[in-house]
């Protein structure tokens, strides 16, 4: 392992040199300059605070509007769902009535076949009677 060794006189020179540089860079500030800088920082801070206040106010208003809109939409949805439910129940009731009427009509129509057969027989008998009367009335 090889380490770079710096002679003692060079390391003390570097330390003294950096100390001198720091002292030359940190010159004492004037109170007026400090006050001006503080005023600028305070003004900027106030502007940022006002900007945040305006932003939060706008966000609060937007959130209020969105929430109000959501409540309105939910109310509208609830009303529409209620009306659809009422209409579906009404349609189901009417459909059941129609089906029941069809079933009753079907039962009644079963008796009509016998009646139709009786009517055919009656029609033949009436036709036979009519022919017999016509023959009697037309005697030569």
N, C-alpha and C. Protein backbone atom coordinates (compact mmCIF):
# COMPACT_ATOMS: atom_id res chain seq x y z
N UNK A 1 0.83 -1.18 0.00
CA UNK A 1 0.00 0.00 0.00
C UNK A 1 0.88 1.23 0.00
N UNK A 2 0.54 2.11 -0.87
CA UNK A 2 1.32 3.35 -0.90
C UNK A 2 0.42 4.49 -0.55
N UNK A 3 0.83 5.28 0.41
CA UNK A 3 0.07 6.46 0.80
C UNK A 3 0.85 7.69 0.38
N UNK A 4 0.08 8.67 -0.05
CA UNK A 4 0.75 9.91 -0.41
C UNK A 4 0.98 10.68 0.87
N UNK A 5 2.16 10.88 1.19
CA UNK A 5 2.48 11.60 2.41
C UNK A 5 2.76 13.06 2.07
N UNK A 6 2.11 13.93 2.82
CA UNK A 6 2.31 15.36 2.61
C UNK A 6 3.24 15.84 3.73
N UNK A 7 4.28 16.52 3.36
CA UNK A 7 5.18 17.02 4.41
C UNK A 7 4.44 17.96 5.35
N UNK A 8 4.86 18.00 6.59
CA UNK A 8 4.18 18.79 7.61
C UNK A 8 4.13 20.26 7.26
N UNK A 9 5.15 20.78 6.72
CA UNK A 9 5.18 22.20 6.42
C UNK A 9 4.18 22.56 5.33
N UNK A 10 3.90 21.66 4.39
CA UNK A 10 2.90 21.93 3.35
C UNK A 10 1.49 21.84 3.94
N UNK A 11 1.21 20.88 4.83
CA UNK A 11 -0.13 20.75 5.40
C UNK A 11 -0.46 21.94 6.28
N UNK A 12 0.46 22.46 7.03
CA UNK A 12 0.19 23.64 7.85
C UNK A 12 -0.01 24.85 6.98
N UNK A 13 0.71 24.91 5.86
CA UNK A 13 0.54 26.02 4.92
C UNK A 13 -0.87 25.99 4.33
N UNK A 14 -1.36 24.79 3.94
CA UNK A 14 -2.69 24.65 3.35
C UNK A 14 -3.76 25.05 4.35
N UNK A 15 -3.60 24.68 5.62
CA UNK A 15 -4.58 25.02 6.65
C UNK A 15 -4.61 26.51 6.89
N UNK A 16 -3.46 27.15 6.93
CA UNK A 16 -3.41 28.60 7.15
C UNK A 16 -3.99 29.33 5.95
N UNK A 17 -3.73 28.81 4.74
CA UNK A 17 -4.20 29.43 3.51
C UNK A 17 -5.73 29.37 3.45
N UNK A 18 -6.36 28.21 3.79
CA UNK A 18 -7.81 28.11 3.73
C UNK A 18 -8.46 28.97 4.80
N UNK A 19 -7.80 29.15 5.94
CA UNK A 19 -8.33 30.01 7.02
C UNK A 19 -8.36 31.45 6.54
N UNK A 20 -7.33 31.87 5.85
CA UNK A 20 -7.25 33.24 5.32
C UNK A 20 -8.33 33.47 4.27
N UNK A 21 -8.58 32.44 3.44
CA UNK A 21 -9.60 32.57 2.40
C UNK A 21 -10.99 32.73 3.03
N UNK A 22 -11.28 31.96 4.07
CA UNK A 22 -12.57 32.07 4.74
C UNK A 22 -12.76 33.44 5.36
N UNK A 23 -11.72 33.96 5.96
CA UNK A 23 -11.82 35.28 6.59
C UNK A 23 -12.03 36.36 5.55
N UNK A 24 -11.40 36.19 4.38
CA UNK A 24 -11.54 37.22 3.35
C UNK A 24 -12.93 37.14 2.71
N UNK A 25 -13.52 35.91 2.63
CA UNK A 25 -14.83 35.76 2.02
C UNK A 25 -15.94 36.19 2.97
N UNK A 26 -15.76 36.08 4.24
CA UNK A 26 -16.78 36.45 5.21
C UNK A 26 -16.49 37.84 5.75
N UNK A 27 -16.79 38.79 4.95
CA UNK A 27 -16.62 40.16 5.41
C UNK A 27 -17.85 40.54 6.23
N UNK A 28 -17.75 41.37 7.15
CA UNK A 28 -18.88 41.72 8.02
C UNK A 28 -19.98 42.41 7.21
N UNK A 29 -21.26 42.00 7.52
CA UNK A 29 -22.40 42.59 6.82
C UNK A 29 -22.80 43.88 7.51
N UNK A 30 -23.33 44.76 6.72
CA UNK A 30 -23.85 46.01 7.21
C UNK A 30 -25.27 45.77 7.71
N UNK A 31 -25.70 46.41 8.78
CA UNK A 31 -27.06 46.21 9.31
C UNK A 31 -28.11 46.59 8.28
N UNK A 32 -27.87 47.60 7.51
CA UNK A 32 -28.83 48.03 6.49
C UNK A 32 -29.02 46.94 5.44
N UNK A 33 -27.91 46.30 5.03
CA UNK A 33 -27.99 45.22 4.05
C UNK A 33 -28.79 44.05 4.60
N UNK A 34 -28.53 43.73 5.87
CA UNK A 34 -29.25 42.63 6.50
C UNK A 34 -30.73 42.95 6.56
N UNK A 35 -31.08 44.15 6.92
CA UNK A 35 -32.49 44.55 7.01
C UNK A 35 -33.16 44.50 5.63
N UNK A 36 -32.44 44.93 4.58
CA UNK A 36 -32.99 44.89 3.23
C UNK A 36 -33.26 43.44 2.81
N UNK A 37 -32.29 42.56 3.10
CA UNK A 37 -32.45 41.16 2.75
C UNK A 37 -33.63 40.56 3.52
N UNK A 38 -33.75 40.88 4.80
CA UNK A 38 -34.87 40.38 5.60
C UNK A 38 -36.20 40.89 5.07
N UNK A 39 -36.24 42.15 4.65
CA UNK A 39 -37.47 42.70 4.08
C UNK A 39 -37.86 41.96 2.80
N UNK A 40 -36.87 41.68 1.97
CA UNK A 40 -37.13 40.96 0.72
C UNK A 40 -37.65 39.55 1.03
N UNK A 41 -36.99 38.87 1.99
CA UNK A 41 -37.42 37.52 2.37
C UNK A 41 -38.85 37.57 2.94
N UNK A 42 -39.12 38.58 3.76
CA UNK A 42 -40.45 38.71 4.36
C UNK A 42 -41.51 38.98 3.29
N UNK A 43 -41.19 39.85 2.34
CA UNK A 43 -42.12 40.17 1.25
C UNK A 43 -42.40 38.93 0.41
N UNK A 44 -41.34 38.19 0.07
CA UNK A 44 -41.51 36.96 -0.71
C UNK A 44 -42.33 35.93 0.07
N UNK A 45 -42.07 35.83 1.36
CA UNK A 45 -42.83 34.89 2.19
C UNK A 45 -44.30 35.26 2.23
N UNK A 46 -44.61 36.55 2.32
CA UNK A 46 -46.00 37.00 2.33
C UNK A 46 -46.67 36.70 0.99
N UNK A 47 -45.93 36.92 -0.10
CA UNK A 47 -46.49 36.63 -1.43
C UNK A 47 -46.77 35.14 -1.57
N UNK A 48 -45.86 34.31 -1.10
CA UNK A 48 -46.05 32.86 -1.17
C UNK A 48 -47.25 32.46 -0.31
N UNK A 49 -47.36 33.03 0.89
CA UNK A 49 -48.49 32.72 1.77
C UNK A 49 -49.81 33.12 1.12
N UNK A 50 -49.85 34.30 0.49
CA UNK A 50 -51.07 34.73 -0.19
C UNK A 50 -51.39 33.80 -1.36
N UNK A 51 -50.37 33.37 -2.07
CA UNK A 51 -50.57 32.45 -3.18
C UNK A 51 -51.14 31.13 -2.68
N UNK A 52 -50.58 30.60 -1.58
CA UNK A 52 -51.11 29.36 -1.01
C UNK A 52 -52.54 29.55 -0.52
N UNK A 53 -52.83 30.69 0.10
CA UNK A 53 -54.19 30.96 0.57
C UNK A 53 -55.16 30.97 -0.59
N UNK A 54 -54.77 31.63 -1.68
CA UNK A 54 -55.62 31.67 -2.87
C UNK A 54 -55.80 30.28 -3.46
N UNK A 55 -54.72 29.51 -3.52
CA UNK A 55 -54.78 28.15 -4.05
C UNK A 55 -55.72 27.29 -3.22
N UNK A 56 -55.57 27.32 -1.89
CA UNK A 56 -56.43 26.50 -1.03
C UNK A 56 -57.88 26.95 -1.10
N UNK A 57 -58.09 28.25 -1.25
CA UNK A 57 -59.47 28.75 -1.40
C UNK A 57 -60.09 28.21 -2.69
N UNK A 58 -59.31 28.25 -3.77
CA UNK A 58 -59.81 27.72 -5.05
C UNK A 58 -60.07 26.23 -4.95
N UNK A 59 -59.16 25.51 -4.31
CA UNK A 59 -59.35 24.06 -4.15
C UNK A 59 -60.58 23.75 -3.29
N UNK A 60 -60.79 24.53 -2.24
CA UNK A 60 -61.96 24.34 -1.37
C UNK A 60 -63.24 24.57 -2.18
N UNK A 61 -63.26 25.62 -3.00
CA UNK A 61 -64.44 25.91 -3.82
C UNK A 61 -64.68 24.79 -4.83
N UNK A 62 -63.61 24.33 -5.48
CA UNK A 62 -63.75 23.25 -6.47
C UNK A 62 -64.25 21.98 -5.80
N UNK A 63 -63.72 21.66 -4.63
CA UNK A 63 -64.15 20.46 -3.91
C UNK A 63 -65.62 20.59 -3.50
N UNK A 64 -66.01 21.78 -3.09
CA UNK A 64 -67.41 22.01 -2.70
C UNK A 64 -68.33 21.81 -3.90
N UNK A 65 -67.93 22.33 -5.06
CA UNK A 65 -68.74 22.18 -6.27
C UNK A 65 -68.83 20.73 -6.71
N UNK A 66 -67.70 20.03 -6.65
CA UNK A 66 -67.69 18.62 -7.05
C UNK A 66 -68.56 17.80 -6.10
N UNK A 67 -68.45 18.07 -4.81
CA UNK A 67 -69.25 17.35 -3.83
C UNK A 67 -70.73 17.64 -4.04
N UNK A 68 -71.06 18.90 -4.29
CA UNK A 68 -72.45 19.27 -4.55
C UNK A 68 -72.97 18.57 -5.79
N UNK A 69 -72.14 18.55 -6.85
CA UNK A 69 -72.52 17.86 -8.08
C UNK A 69 -72.72 16.38 -7.83
N UNK A 70 -71.84 15.78 -7.07
CA UNK A 70 -71.96 14.35 -6.77
C UNK A 70 -73.24 14.06 -6.00
N UNK A 71 -73.56 14.91 -5.05
CA UNK A 71 -74.80 14.73 -4.28
C UNK A 71 -76.01 14.86 -5.20
N UNK A 72 -75.97 15.86 -6.09
CA UNK A 72 -77.08 16.04 -7.05
C UNK A 72 -77.22 14.83 -7.95
N UNK A 73 -76.08 14.31 -8.45
CA UNK A 73 -76.13 13.14 -9.33
C UNK A 73 -76.65 11.91 -8.58
N UNK A 74 -76.25 11.74 -7.35
CA UNK A 74 -76.73 10.60 -6.57
C UNK A 74 -78.23 10.71 -6.32
N UNK A 75 -78.71 11.92 -6.05
CA UNK A 75 -80.14 12.14 -5.84
C UNK A 75 -80.91 11.82 -7.12
N UNK A 76 -80.38 12.30 -8.25
CA UNK A 76 -81.01 12.04 -9.55
C UNK A 76 -81.02 10.53 -9.83
N UNK A 77 -79.91 9.86 -9.58
CA UNK A 77 -79.82 8.42 -9.79
C UNK A 77 -80.82 7.69 -8.91
N UNK A 78 -80.93 8.12 -7.67
CA UNK A 78 -81.87 7.49 -6.74
C UNK A 78 -83.30 7.65 -7.23
N UNK A 79 -83.66 8.86 -7.68
CA UNK A 79 -85.00 9.10 -8.20
C UNK A 79 -85.27 8.24 -9.44
N UNK A 80 -84.30 8.20 -10.35
CA UNK A 80 -84.47 7.41 -11.58
C UNK A 80 -84.60 5.93 -11.25
N UNK A 81 -83.78 5.45 -10.33
CA UNK A 81 -83.85 4.03 -9.96
C UNK A 81 -85.21 3.71 -9.32
N UNK A 82 -85.72 4.64 -8.50
CA UNK A 82 -87.03 4.44 -7.89
C UNK A 82 -88.13 4.37 -8.93
N UNK A 83 -88.07 5.26 -9.91
CA UNK A 83 -89.09 5.26 -10.97
C UNK A 83 -89.01 4.00 -11.82
N UNK A 84 -87.80 3.58 -12.12
CA UNK A 84 -87.63 2.35 -12.91
C UNK A 84 -88.18 1.16 -12.14
N UNK A 85 -87.92 1.14 -10.84
CA UNK A 85 -88.43 0.03 -10.02
C UNK A 85 -89.95 0.02 -10.02
N UNK A 86 -90.57 1.20 -9.87
CA UNK A 86 -92.03 1.28 -9.91
C UNK A 86 -92.56 0.81 -11.26
N UNK A 87 -91.91 1.26 -12.35
CA UNK A 87 -92.36 0.87 -13.69
C UNK A 87 -92.20 -0.63 -13.90
N UNK A 88 -91.09 -1.19 -13.41
CA UNK A 88 -90.88 -2.64 -13.57
C UNK A 88 -91.93 -3.43 -12.80
N UNK A 89 -92.24 -2.98 -11.59
CA UNK A 89 -93.28 -3.68 -10.81
C UNK A 89 -94.64 -3.57 -11.49
N UNK A 90 -94.95 -2.39 -12.02
CA UNK A 90 -96.22 -2.19 -12.73
C UNK A 90 -96.28 -3.09 -13.97
N UNK A 91 -95.18 -3.13 -14.72
CA UNK A 91 -95.14 -3.97 -15.92
C UNK A 91 -95.28 -5.45 -15.55
N UNK A 92 -94.63 -5.87 -14.48
CA UNK A 92 -94.73 -7.27 -14.05
C UNK A 92 -96.16 -7.61 -13.64
N UNK A 93 -96.81 -6.69 -12.94
CA UNK A 93 -98.20 -6.92 -12.53
C UNK A 93 -99.11 -7.05 -13.74
N UNK A 94 -98.94 -6.13 -14.69
CA UNK A 94 -99.77 -6.19 -15.90
C UNK A 94 -99.48 -7.45 -16.72
N UNK A 95 -98.22 -7.84 -16.78
CA UNK A 95 -97.85 -9.06 -17.49
C UNK A 95 -98.50 -10.28 -16.85
N UNK A 96 -98.50 -10.33 -15.52
CA UNK A 96 -99.15 -11.45 -14.82
C UNK A 96 -100.65 -11.49 -15.09
N UNK A 97 -101.27 -10.31 -15.10
CA UNK A 97 -102.72 -10.26 -15.41
C UNK A 97 -102.98 -10.79 -16.82
N UNK A 98 -102.15 -10.36 -17.78
CA UNK A 98 -102.31 -10.81 -19.16
C UNK A 98 -102.15 -12.32 -19.26
N UNK A 99 -101.13 -12.85 -18.59
CA UNK A 99 -100.90 -14.31 -18.63
C UNK A 99 -102.10 -15.05 -18.02
N UNK A 100 -102.60 -14.55 -16.90
CA UNK A 100 -103.77 -15.19 -16.27
C UNK A 100 -105.00 -15.13 -17.18
N UNK A 101 -105.18 -13.99 -17.85
CA UNK A 101 -106.32 -13.87 -18.79
C UNK A 101 -106.17 -14.87 -19.93
N UNK A 102 -104.95 -15.02 -20.44
CA UNK A 102 -104.71 -15.98 -21.53
C UNK A 102 -105.00 -17.41 -21.06
N UNK A 103 -104.58 -17.73 -19.84
CA UNK A 103 -104.84 -19.08 -19.31
C UNK A 103 -106.34 -19.33 -19.17
N UNK A 104 -107.08 -18.33 -18.67
CA UNK A 104 -108.54 -18.49 -18.55
C UNK A 104 -109.18 -18.66 -19.91
N UNK A 105 -108.75 -17.85 -20.87
CA UNK A 105 -109.28 -17.95 -22.23
C UNK A 105 -108.98 -19.32 -22.82
N UNK A 106 -107.79 -19.83 -22.56
CA UNK A 106 -107.41 -21.15 -23.06
C UNK A 106 -108.35 -22.21 -22.48
N UNK A 107 -108.63 -22.11 -21.19
CA UNK A 107 -109.54 -23.07 -20.56
C UNK A 107 -110.94 -22.97 -21.16
N UNK A 108 -111.38 -21.74 -21.41
CA UNK A 108 -112.71 -21.54 -21.99
C UNK A 108 -112.76 -22.05 -23.43
N UNK A 109 -111.62 -21.91 -24.15
CA UNK A 109 -111.60 -22.34 -25.54
C UNK A 109 -111.67 -23.87 -25.65
N UNK A 110 -111.24 -24.59 -24.62
CA UNK A 110 -111.34 -26.04 -24.66
C UNK A 110 -112.79 -26.48 -24.75
N UNK A 111 -113.69 -25.76 -24.10
CA UNK A 111 -115.12 -26.08 -24.18
C UNK A 111 -115.72 -25.67 -25.51
N UNK A 112 -115.08 -24.78 -26.23
CA UNK A 112 -115.60 -24.28 -27.50
C UNK A 112 -115.54 -25.38 -28.57
N UNK A 113 -114.58 -26.29 -28.48
CA UNK A 113 -114.48 -27.37 -29.47
C UNK A 113 -115.75 -28.23 -29.46
N UNK A 114 -116.21 -28.56 -28.26
CA UNK A 114 -117.46 -29.33 -28.16
C UNK A 114 -118.63 -28.52 -28.71
N UNK A 115 -118.63 -27.22 -28.39
CA UNK A 115 -119.70 -26.36 -28.87
C UNK A 115 -119.65 -26.27 -30.40
N UNK A 116 -118.46 -26.20 -30.97
CA UNK A 116 -118.31 -26.14 -32.42
C UNK A 116 -118.84 -27.41 -33.07
N UNK A 117 -118.55 -28.54 -32.45
CA UNK A 117 -119.05 -29.82 -32.97
C UNK A 117 -120.58 -29.84 -32.92
N UNK A 118 -121.15 -29.36 -31.83
CA UNK A 118 -122.61 -29.32 -31.70
C UNK A 118 -123.21 -28.38 -32.73
N UNK A 119 -122.51 -27.25 -32.97
CA UNK A 119 -123.00 -26.30 -33.97
C UNK A 119 -122.97 -26.90 -35.37
N UNK A 120 -121.97 -27.69 -35.70
CA UNK A 120 -121.90 -28.34 -37.00
C UNK A 120 -123.06 -29.33 -37.17
N UNK A 121 -123.30 -30.07 -36.12
CA UNK A 121 -124.42 -31.03 -36.16
C UNK A 121 -125.73 -30.27 -36.31
N UNK A 122 -125.88 -29.20 -35.52
CA UNK A 122 -127.11 -28.40 -35.60
C UNK A 122 -127.25 -27.79 -36.99
N UNK A 123 -126.13 -27.33 -37.56
CA UNK A 123 -126.18 -26.74 -38.91
C UNK A 123 -126.63 -27.79 -39.93
N UNK A 124 -126.12 -29.01 -39.84
CA UNK A 124 -126.55 -30.08 -40.75
C UNK A 124 -128.04 -30.35 -40.60
N UNK A 125 -128.48 -30.39 -39.35
CA UNK A 125 -129.91 -30.64 -39.10
C UNK A 125 -130.77 -29.52 -39.65
N UNK A 126 -130.30 -28.28 -39.47
CA UNK A 126 -131.07 -27.12 -39.99
C UNK A 126 -131.08 -27.18 -41.50
N UNK A 127 -129.94 -27.51 -42.11
CA UNK A 127 -129.89 -27.62 -43.56
C UNK A 127 -130.83 -28.74 -44.05
N UNK A 128 -130.84 -29.84 -43.34
CA UNK A 128 -131.75 -30.95 -43.72
C UNK A 128 -133.20 -30.52 -43.57
N UNK A 129 -133.50 -29.82 -42.48
CA UNK A 129 -134.87 -29.33 -42.26
C UNK A 129 -135.25 -28.34 -43.35
N UNK A 130 -134.33 -27.45 -43.71
CA UNK A 130 -134.59 -26.45 -44.75
C UNK A 130 -134.86 -27.14 -46.09
N UNK A 131 -134.08 -28.14 -46.40
CA UNK A 131 -134.32 -28.86 -47.65
C UNK A 131 -135.67 -29.56 -47.64
N UNK A 132 -136.02 -30.15 -46.50
CA UNK A 132 -137.31 -30.83 -46.41
C UNK A 132 -138.44 -29.84 -46.55
N UNK A 133 -138.31 -28.69 -45.94
CA UNK A 133 -139.39 -27.68 -46.04
C UNK A 133 -139.47 -27.19 -47.48
N UNK A 134 -138.34 -26.97 -48.11
CA UNK A 134 -138.35 -26.51 -49.50
C UNK A 134 -139.02 -27.56 -50.40
N UNK A 135 -138.80 -28.82 -50.16
CA UNK A 135 -139.44 -29.85 -50.96
C UNK A 135 -140.95 -29.86 -50.74
N UNK A 136 -141.35 -29.65 -49.52
CA UNK A 136 -142.79 -29.65 -49.24
C UNK A 136 -143.46 -28.41 -49.82
N UNK A 137 -142.80 -27.30 -49.79
CA UNK A 137 -143.40 -26.08 -50.26
C UNK A 137 -143.47 -26.11 -51.79
N UNK A 138 -142.64 -26.79 -52.45
CA UNK A 138 -142.60 -26.81 -53.91
C UNK A 138 -143.38 -28.00 -54.46
N UNK A 139 -144.30 -28.40 -53.92
CA UNK A 139 -145.07 -29.55 -54.43
C UNK A 139 -145.58 -29.26 -55.82
N UNK A 140 -145.44 -30.20 -56.74
CA UNK A 140 -145.95 -29.97 -58.11
C UNK A 140 -147.39 -30.24 -58.28
